Amino acid sequence: RSGTDTRAFRLHLPPQVRFIEVDDAEVHQAKSAVLEVANARPRCSLQRVVPEQLPEVMDPRKASFIVLEDLSLEDGPYVEQLSKELVAEGSRVVVVLRDDSDSLASTASQWLQL
């Protein structure tokens, strides 16, 4: 889920980069309202979709860089399904796991190369 992430607005990305944010419609609306008030503009092509639309916008023939954040180990089947159906060979997937414990050593990341 994209949540309040603003990578498409703050990173120096080439304009030909296609950035897809996936989250619930309410989150997209709230985020858009805040960014509009701030007169923020994305630095690349930005598309916002709800999770069900992801298969419609991903091209499984093109390598992608994908960041999946705030996942738990229980989300493994989702990541596996996404990898099989939507992620092209040569893609890079970063999975940032949430720490479900109360410790502050919060996040573990794992790189997957497909």
C-alpha atoms as a PDB file:
ATOM      1  CA  ARG A   1       0.000   0.000   0.000  1.00  0.00           C
ATOM      2  CA  SER A   2       1.291   3.452  -0.850  1.00  0.00           C
ATOM      3  CA  GLY A   3      -0.081   5.237   2.221  1.00  0.00           C
ATOM      4  CA  THR A   4       1.490   8.639   2.620  1.00  0.00           C
ATOM      5  CA  ASP A   5       4.607   7.830   0.594  1.00  0.00           C
ATOM      6  CA  THR A   6       5.699  10.648  -1.715  1.00  0.00           C
ATOM      7  CA  ARG A   7       8.559   9.063  -3.666  1.00  0.00           C
ATOM      8  CA  ALA A   8       7.092  10.150  -7.014  1.00  0.00           C
ATOM      9  CA  PHE A   9       7.110  13.756  -5.767  1.00  0.00           C
ATOM     10  CA  ARG A  10      10.463  13.942  -3.996  1.00  0.00           C
ATOM     11  CA  LEU A  11      12.860  11.643  -5.884  1.00  0.00           C
ATOM     12  CA  HIS A  12      14.680  12.948  -8.932  1.00  0.00           C
ATOM     13  CA  LEU A  13      13.186  10.492 -11.397  1.00  0.00           C
ATOM     14  CA  PRO A  14      13.296  10.761 -15.173  1.00  0.00           C
ATOM     15  CA  PRO A  15       9.924  11.833 -16.605  1.00  0.00           C
ATOM     16  CA  GLN A  16       9.657   8.559 -18.555  1.00  0.00           C
ATOM     17  CA  VAL A  17       9.483   6.557 -15.306  1.00  0.00           C
ATOM     18  CA  ARG A  18       5.991   5.206 -14.682  1.00  0.00           C
ATOM     19  CA  PHE A  19       5.172   5.203 -10.971  1.00  0.00           C
ATOM     20  CA  ILE A  20       2.139   3.220  -9.789  1.00  0.00           C
ATOM     21  CA  GLU A  21       0.762   3.727  -6.282  1.00  0.00           C
ATOM     22  CA  VAL A  22      -1.534   1.026  -4.942  1.00  0.00           C
ATOM     23  CA  ASP A  23      -3.881   1.733  -2.047  1.00  0.00           C
ATOM     24  CA  ASP A  24      -7.529   2.127  -1.127  1.00  0.00           C
ATOM     25  CA  ALA A  25      -9.474   4.887  -2.877  1.00  0.00           C
ATOM     26  CA  GLU A  26      -9.948   6.815   0.384  1.00  0.00           C
ATOM     27  CA  VAL A  27      -6.195   6.927   0.956  1.00  0.00           C
ATOM     28  CA  HIS A  28      -5.586   8.158  -2.602  1.00  0.00           C
ATOM     29  CA  GLN A  29      -8.206  10.887  -2.161  1.00  0.00           C
ATOM     30  CA  ALA A  30      -6.803  12.102   1.163  1.00  0.00           C
ATOM     31  CA  LYS A  31      -3.238  12.089  -0.136  1.00  0.00           C
ATOM     32  CA  SER A  32      -4.223  13.905  -3.338  1.00  0.00           C
ATOM     33  CA  ALA A  33      -5.996  16.616  -1.345  1.00  0.00           C
ATOM     34  CA  VAL A  34      -2.944  17.297   0.828  1.00  0.00           C
ATOM     35  CA  LEU A  35      -0.553  17.304  -2.133  1.00  0.00           C
ATOM     36  CA  GLU A  36      -2.848  19.600  -4.119  1.00  0.00           C
ATOM     37  CA  VAL A  37      -2.951  22.149  -1.293  1.00  0.00           C
ATOM     38  CA  ALA A  38       0.867  22.002  -1.226  1.00  0.00           C
ATOM     39  CA  ASN A  39       0.892  22.508  -5.007  1.00  0.00           C
ATOM     40  CA  ALA A  40       3.074  19.392  -5.261  1.00  0.00           C
ATOM     41  CA  ARG A  41       3.605  17.813  -8.662  1.00  0.00           C
ATOM     42  CA  PRO A  42       5.027  14.344  -9.359  1.00  0.00           C
ATOM     43  CA  ARG A  43       8.416  14.249 -11.062  1.00  0.00           C
ATOM     44  CA  CYS A  44       7.403  11.368 -13.299  1.00  0.00           C
ATOM     45  CA  SER A  45       4.294   9.695 -14.648  1.00  0.00           C
ATOM     46  CA  LEU A  46       2.070   8.801 -11.672  1.00  0.00           C
ATOM     47  CA  GLN A  47      -0.900   6.482 -11.652  1.00  0.00           C
ATOM     48  CA  ARG A  48      -2.953   5.641  -8.569  1.00  0.00           C
ATOM     49  CA  VAL A  49      -4.929   2.409  -8.469  1.00  0.00           C
ATOM     50  CA  VAL A  50      -6.787   0.269  -5.975  1.00  0.00           C
ATOM     51  CA  PRO A  51      -5.329  -3.228  -5.414  1.00  0.00           C
ATOM     52  CA  GLU A  52      -7.868  -4.905  -7.691  1.00  0.00           C
ATOM     53  CA  GLN A  53      -6.687  -2.754 -10.621  1.00  0.00           C
ATOM     54  CA  LEU A  54      -3.019  -3.729 -10.368  1.00  0.00           C
ATOM     55  CA  PRO A  55      -3.248  -6.550 -12.948  1.00  0.00           C
ATOM     56  CA  GLU A  56      -4.734  -4.046 -15.410  1.00  0.00           C
ATOM     57  CA  VAL A  57      -1.831  -1.587 -15.158  1.00  0.00           C
ATOM     58  CA  MET A  58       1.212  -3.850 -14.765  1.00  0.00           C
ATOM     59  CA  ASP A  59       2.860  -5.157 -17.920  1.00  0.00           C
ATOM     60  CA  PRO A  60       4.238  -8.624 -17.109  1.00  0.00           C
ATOM     61  CA  ARG A  61       6.525  -8.378 -20.166  1.00  0.00           C
ATOM     62  CA  LYS A  62       8.491  -5.386 -18.842  1.00  0.00           C
ATOM     63  CA  ALA A  63      10.981  -5.485 -16.001  1.00  0.00           C
ATOM     64  CA  SER A  64       9.921  -3.374 -13.036  1.00  0.00           C
ATOM     65  CA  PHE A  65      11.210  -2.106  -9.729  1.00  0.00           C
ATOM     66  CA  ILE A  66       8.606  -2.873  -7.088  1.00  0.00           C
ATOM     67  CA  VAL A  67       8.521  -1.817  -3.441  1.00  0.00           C
ATOM     68  CA  LEU A  68       6.117  -3.738  -1.203  1.00  0.00           C
ATOM     69  CA  GLU A  69       5.953  -2.140   2.236  1.00  0.00           C
ATOM     70  CA  ASP A  70       4.374  -2.926   5.570  1.00  0.00           C
ATOM     71  CA  LEU A  71       3.966  -6.623   4.865  1.00  0.00           C
ATOM     72  CA  SER A  72       4.085  -9.433   7.375  1.00  0.00           C
ATOM     73  CA  LEU A  73       5.394 -12.942   6.882  1.00  0.00           C
ATOM     74  CA  GLU A  74       1.783 -14.035   6.412  1.00  0.00           C
ATOM     75  CA  ASP A  75       1.719 -11.994   3.186  1.00  0.00           C
ATOM     76  CA  GLY A  76       4.140 -14.456   1.564  1.00  0.00           C
ATOM     77  CA  PRO A  77       1.442 -16.091  -0.620  1.00  0.00           C
ATOM     78  CA  TYR A  78       0.419 -12.625  -1.916  1.00  0.00           C
ATOM     79  CA  VAL A  79       4.018 -11.787  -2.853  1.00  0.00           C
ATOM     80  CA  GLU A  80       4.445 -15.173  -4.525  1.00  0.00           C
ATOM     81  CA  GLN A  81       1.230 -14.726  -6.545  1.00  0.00           C
ATOM     82  CA  LEU A  82       2.238 -11.192  -7.558  1.00  0.00           C
ATOM     83  CA  SER A  83       5.654 -12.452  -8.639  1.00  0.00           C
ATOM     84  CA  LYS A  84       4.235 -15.247 -10.766  1.00  0.00           C
ATOM     85  CA  GLU A  85       1.478 -13.245 -12.440  1.00  0.00           C
ATOM     86  CA  LEU A  86       2.695  -9.669 -12.814  1.00  0.00           C
ATOM     87  CA  VAL A  87       6.453  -9.424 -12.454  1.00  0.00           C
ATOM     88  CA  ALA A  88       8.674  -9.857 -15.501  1.00  0.00           C
ATOM     89  CA  GLU A  89      12.021 -11.585 -15.528  1.00  0.00           C
ATOM     90  CA  GLY A  90      14.751  -9.135 -14.575  1.00  0.00           C
ATOM     91  CA  SER A  91      12.500  -7.207 -12.203  1.00  0.00           C
ATOM     92  CA  ARG A  92      13.598  -6.151  -8.747  1.00  0.00           C
ATOM     93  CA  VAL A  93      11.255  -6.491  -5.794  1.00  0.00           C
ATOM     94  CA  VAL A  94      11.952  -4.946  -2.402  1.00  0.00           C
ATOM     95  CA  VAL A  95       9.859  -6.355   0.423  1.00  0.00           C
ATOM     96  CA  VAL A  96       9.820  -4.308   3.629  1.00  0.00           C
ATOM     97  CA  LEU A  97       8.407  -6.379   6.449  1.00  0.00           C
ATOM     98  CA  ARG A  98       6.623  -4.780   9.356  1.00  0.00           C
ATOM     99  CA  ASP A  99       7.742  -5.766  12.795  1.00  0.00           C
ATOM    100  CA  ASP A 100       4.710  -7.161  14.565  1.00  0.00           C
ATOM    101  CA  SER A 101       6.535  -7.082  17.891  1.00  0.00           C
ATOM    102  CA  ASP A 102       6.830  -4.072  20.166  1.00  0.00           C
ATOM    103  CA  SER A 103      10.545  -3.613  19.632  1.00  0.00           C
ATOM    104  CA  LEU A 104      11.974  -0.532  17.945  1.00  0.00           C
ATOM    105  CA  ALA A 105      14.299  -2.617  15.797  1.00  0.00           C
ATOM    106  CA  SER A 106      11.381  -2.384  13.475  1.00  0.00           C
ATOM    107  CA  THR A 107      11.925  -3.231   9.857  1.00  0.00           C
ATOM    108  CA  ALA A 108      13.637  -6.042   8.017  1.00  0.00           C
ATOM    109  CA  SER A 109      14.031  -5.830   4.274  1.00  0.00           C
ATOM    110  CA  GLN A 110      14.628  -8.500   1.705  1.00  0.00           C
ATOM    111  CA  TRP A 111      15.684  -8.134  -1.920  1.00  0.00           C
ATOM    112  CA  LEU A 112      14.240 -10.531  -4.445  1.00  0.00           C
ATOM    113  CA  GLN A 113      15.686 -10.787  -7.921  1.00  0.00           C
ATOM    114  CA  LEU A 114      13.432 -12.387 -10.510  1.00  0.00           C
END
